[in-house]
Amino acid sequence: MIEMTVQQVFMKERGEKPDTIDSATAQQGLQREIQAALKDLDCGKDYEKLAKPFMEKMLSHDGGEG
């Protein structure tokens, strides 16, 4: 779901017509998308640290109670 939201943001930014932009504009867009992806990876590391113990506990109890 998050990936689709990010994709939609970049499509809207490009006017939803990526085939009508010139190569310089495409390169700039690519750089922005790469930077956003790197930020997302960094954010995911913190999330994984917080979520992993919870998920391990839930899985060790057959998916939780109820």
N, C-alpha and C. Protein backbone atom coordinates (compact mmCIF):
# COMPACT_ATOMS: atom_id res chain seq x y z
N MET A 1 0.83 -1.19 0.00
CA MET A 1 0.00 0.00 0.00
C MET A 1 0.87 1.26 0.00
N ILE A 2 1.91 1.26 0.84
CA ILE A 2 2.80 2.42 0.90
C ILE A 2 3.48 2.62 -0.44
N GLU A 3 3.94 1.54 -1.06
CA GLU A 3 4.61 1.67 -2.34
C GLU A 3 3.70 2.26 -3.39
N MET A 4 2.43 1.89 -3.38
CA MET A 4 1.49 2.43 -4.35
C MET A 4 1.29 3.93 -4.12
N THR A 5 1.25 4.35 -2.86
CA THR A 5 1.08 5.76 -2.55
C THR A 5 2.26 6.57 -3.06
N VAL A 6 3.47 6.09 -2.83
CA VAL A 6 4.67 6.78 -3.30
C VAL A 6 4.66 6.82 -4.82
N GLN A 7 4.29 5.73 -5.45
CA GLN A 7 4.22 5.69 -6.92
C GLN A 7 3.23 6.72 -7.43
N GLN A 8 2.09 6.82 -6.78
CA GLN A 8 1.07 7.78 -7.22
C GLN A 8 1.56 9.21 -7.07
N VAL A 9 2.32 9.51 -6.01
CA VAL A 9 2.86 10.85 -5.82
C VAL A 9 3.78 11.21 -6.98
N PHE A 10 4.66 10.32 -7.35
CA PHE A 10 5.58 10.61 -8.45
C PHE A 10 4.86 10.67 -9.80
N MET A 11 3.85 9.85 -9.98
CA MET A 11 3.09 9.92 -11.24
C MET A 11 2.36 11.25 -11.34
N LYS A 12 1.80 11.71 -10.24
CA LYS A 12 1.10 12.99 -10.25
C LYS A 12 2.09 14.12 -10.52
N GLU A 13 3.26 14.03 -9.91
CA GLU A 13 4.30 15.05 -10.11
C GLU A 13 4.71 15.13 -11.58
N ARG A 14 4.74 13.98 -12.25
CA ARG A 14 5.11 13.94 -13.67
C ARG A 14 3.95 14.28 -14.58
N GLY A 15 2.80 14.57 -14.01
CA GLY A 15 1.62 14.83 -14.82
C GLY A 15 1.01 13.54 -15.35
N GLU A 16 1.38 12.41 -14.76
CA GLU A 16 0.88 11.09 -15.13
C GLU A 16 1.11 10.75 -16.59
N LYS A 17 2.10 11.41 -17.21
CA LYS A 17 2.45 11.12 -18.60
C LYS A 17 3.97 11.03 -18.74
N PRO A 18 4.55 9.98 -18.15
CA PRO A 18 6.02 9.87 -18.18
C PRO A 18 6.61 9.78 -19.58
N ASP A 19 5.83 9.38 -20.57
CA ASP A 19 6.37 9.23 -21.93
C ASP A 19 6.45 10.56 -22.67
N THR A 20 5.97 11.65 -22.06
CA THR A 20 5.99 12.94 -22.75
C THR A 20 7.04 13.90 -22.18
N ILE A 21 7.92 13.42 -21.31
CA ILE A 21 8.93 14.30 -20.73
C ILE A 21 10.27 14.08 -21.42
N ASP A 22 11.10 15.11 -21.37
CA ASP A 22 12.42 14.99 -21.99
C ASP A 22 13.38 14.26 -21.06
N SER A 23 14.53 13.88 -21.57
CA SER A 23 15.47 13.06 -20.81
C SER A 23 16.02 13.78 -19.57
N ALA A 24 16.24 15.09 -19.65
CA ALA A 24 16.76 15.84 -18.49
C ALA A 24 15.73 15.84 -17.36
N THR A 25 14.48 16.04 -17.69
CA THR A 25 13.41 16.03 -16.69
C THR A 25 13.26 14.63 -16.10
N ALA A 26 13.37 13.62 -16.96
CA ALA A 26 13.28 12.24 -16.49
C ALA A 26 14.43 11.92 -15.53
N GLN A 27 15.62 12.39 -15.84
CA GLN A 27 16.78 12.15 -14.98
C GLN A 27 16.58 12.82 -13.62
N GLN A 28 16.05 14.04 -13.61
CA GLN A 28 15.78 14.73 -12.35
C GLN A 28 14.73 13.96 -11.54
N GLY A 29 13.71 13.49 -12.21
CA GLY A 29 12.68 12.70 -11.54
C GLY A 29 13.24 11.42 -10.97
N LEU A 30 14.11 10.78 -11.72
CA LEU A 30 14.75 9.56 -11.26
C LEU A 30 15.56 9.82 -10.00
N GLN A 31 16.30 10.91 -9.98
CA GLN A 31 17.10 11.24 -8.79
C GLN A 31 16.20 11.47 -7.58
N ARG A 32 15.06 12.15 -7.76
CA ARG A 32 14.12 12.37 -6.65
C ARG A 32 13.54 11.04 -6.17
N GLU A 33 13.23 10.15 -7.09
CA GLU A 33 12.69 8.84 -6.70
C GLU A 33 13.73 8.01 -5.95
N ILE A 34 14.99 8.08 -6.39
CA ILE A 34 16.05 7.36 -5.70
C ILE A 34 16.22 7.89 -4.28
N GLN A 35 16.23 9.20 -4.13
CA GLN A 35 16.36 9.80 -2.79
C GLN A 35 15.18 9.40 -1.90
N ALA A 36 13.99 9.39 -2.43
CA ALA A 36 12.81 8.98 -1.65
C ALA A 36 12.93 7.51 -1.25
N ALA A 37 13.42 6.67 -2.15
CA ALA A 37 13.59 5.25 -1.84
C ALA A 37 14.63 5.05 -0.75
N LEU A 38 15.72 5.80 -0.80
CA LEU A 38 16.75 5.69 0.23
C LEU A 38 16.23 6.12 1.59
N LYS A 39 15.45 7.19 1.61
CA LYS A 39 14.84 7.64 2.88
C LYS A 39 13.89 6.57 3.41
N ASP A 40 13.14 5.94 2.51
CA ASP A 40 12.21 4.89 2.91
C ASP A 40 12.96 3.71 3.50
N LEU A 41 14.10 3.35 2.92
CA LEU A 41 14.90 2.26 3.46
C LEU A 41 15.40 2.58 4.86
N ASP A 42 15.86 3.82 5.06
CA ASP A 42 16.32 4.22 6.38
C ASP A 42 15.19 4.16 7.39
N CYS A 43 14.03 4.63 7.02
CA CYS A 43 12.86 4.60 7.90
C CYS A 43 12.49 3.15 8.23
N GLY A 44 12.57 2.29 7.26
CA GLY A 44 12.22 0.89 7.45
C GLY A 44 13.09 0.20 8.47
N LYS A 45 14.34 0.61 8.58
CA LYS A 45 15.25 0.00 9.55
C LYS A 45 14.75 0.24 10.97
N ASP A 46 14.31 1.45 11.26
CA ASP A 46 13.77 1.76 12.58
C ASP A 46 12.48 0.99 12.83
N TYR A 47 11.64 0.91 11.82
CA TYR A 47 10.39 0.18 11.95
C TYR A 47 10.67 -1.30 12.23
N GLU A 48 11.62 -1.86 11.51
CA GLU A 48 11.93 -3.28 11.70
C GLU A 48 12.40 -3.55 13.13
N LYS A 49 13.23 -2.66 13.67
CA LYS A 49 13.71 -2.83 15.05
C LYS A 49 12.55 -2.86 16.03
N LEU A 50 11.56 -2.02 15.80
CA LEU A 50 10.41 -1.95 16.71
C LEU A 50 9.43 -3.10 16.48
N ALA A 51 9.22 -3.47 15.24
CA ALA A 51 8.20 -4.46 14.91
C ALA A 51 8.67 -5.90 15.11
N LYS A 52 9.96 -6.17 14.95
CA LYS A 52 10.46 -7.54 14.99
C LYS A 52 10.13 -8.25 16.30
N PRO A 53 10.40 -7.66 17.47
CA PRO A 53 10.05 -8.36 18.72
C PRO A 53 8.55 -8.63 18.84
N PHE A 54 7.75 -7.69 18.42
CA PHE A 54 6.30 -7.88 18.46
C PHE A 54 5.88 -9.04 17.57
N MET A 55 6.39 -9.07 16.35
CA MET A 55 6.03 -10.14 15.41
C MET A 55 6.52 -11.50 15.90
N GLU A 56 7.74 -11.55 16.46
CA GLU A 56 8.25 -12.82 16.98
C GLU A 56 7.37 -13.33 18.12
N LYS A 57 6.96 -12.42 19.00
CA LYS A 57 6.09 -12.80 20.10
C LYS A 57 4.75 -13.30 19.58
N MET A 58 4.19 -12.60 18.61
CA MET A 58 2.91 -12.99 18.05
C MET A 58 3.01 -14.36 17.37
N LEU A 59 4.07 -14.57 16.61
CA LEU A 59 4.24 -15.84 15.91
C LEU A 59 4.50 -17.00 16.87
N SER A 60 5.17 -16.72 17.98
CA SER A 60 5.47 -17.78 18.94
C SER A 60 4.22 -18.19 19.72
N HIS A 61 3.17 -17.39 19.65
CA HIS A 61 1.91 -17.70 20.32
C HIS A 61 0.83 -18.07 19.30
N ASP A 62 1.24 -18.72 18.24
CA ASP A 62 0.31 -19.16 17.19
C ASP A 62 -0.55 -18.04 16.64
N GLY A 63 0.05 -16.87 16.44
CA GLY A 63 -0.67 -15.77 15.81
C GLY A 63 -1.41 -14.87 16.77
N GLY A 64 -1.24 -15.06 18.05
CA GLY A 64 -1.92 -14.20 19.02
C GLY A 64 -3.15 -14.84 19.61
N GLU A 65 -3.82 -14.07 20.41
CA GLU A 65 -5.01 -14.57 21.09
C GLU A 65 -6.25 -13.91 20.50
N GLY A 66 -7.10 -14.67 19.90
CA GLY A 66 -8.36 -14.16 19.39
C GLY A 66 -8.21 -13.51 18.09
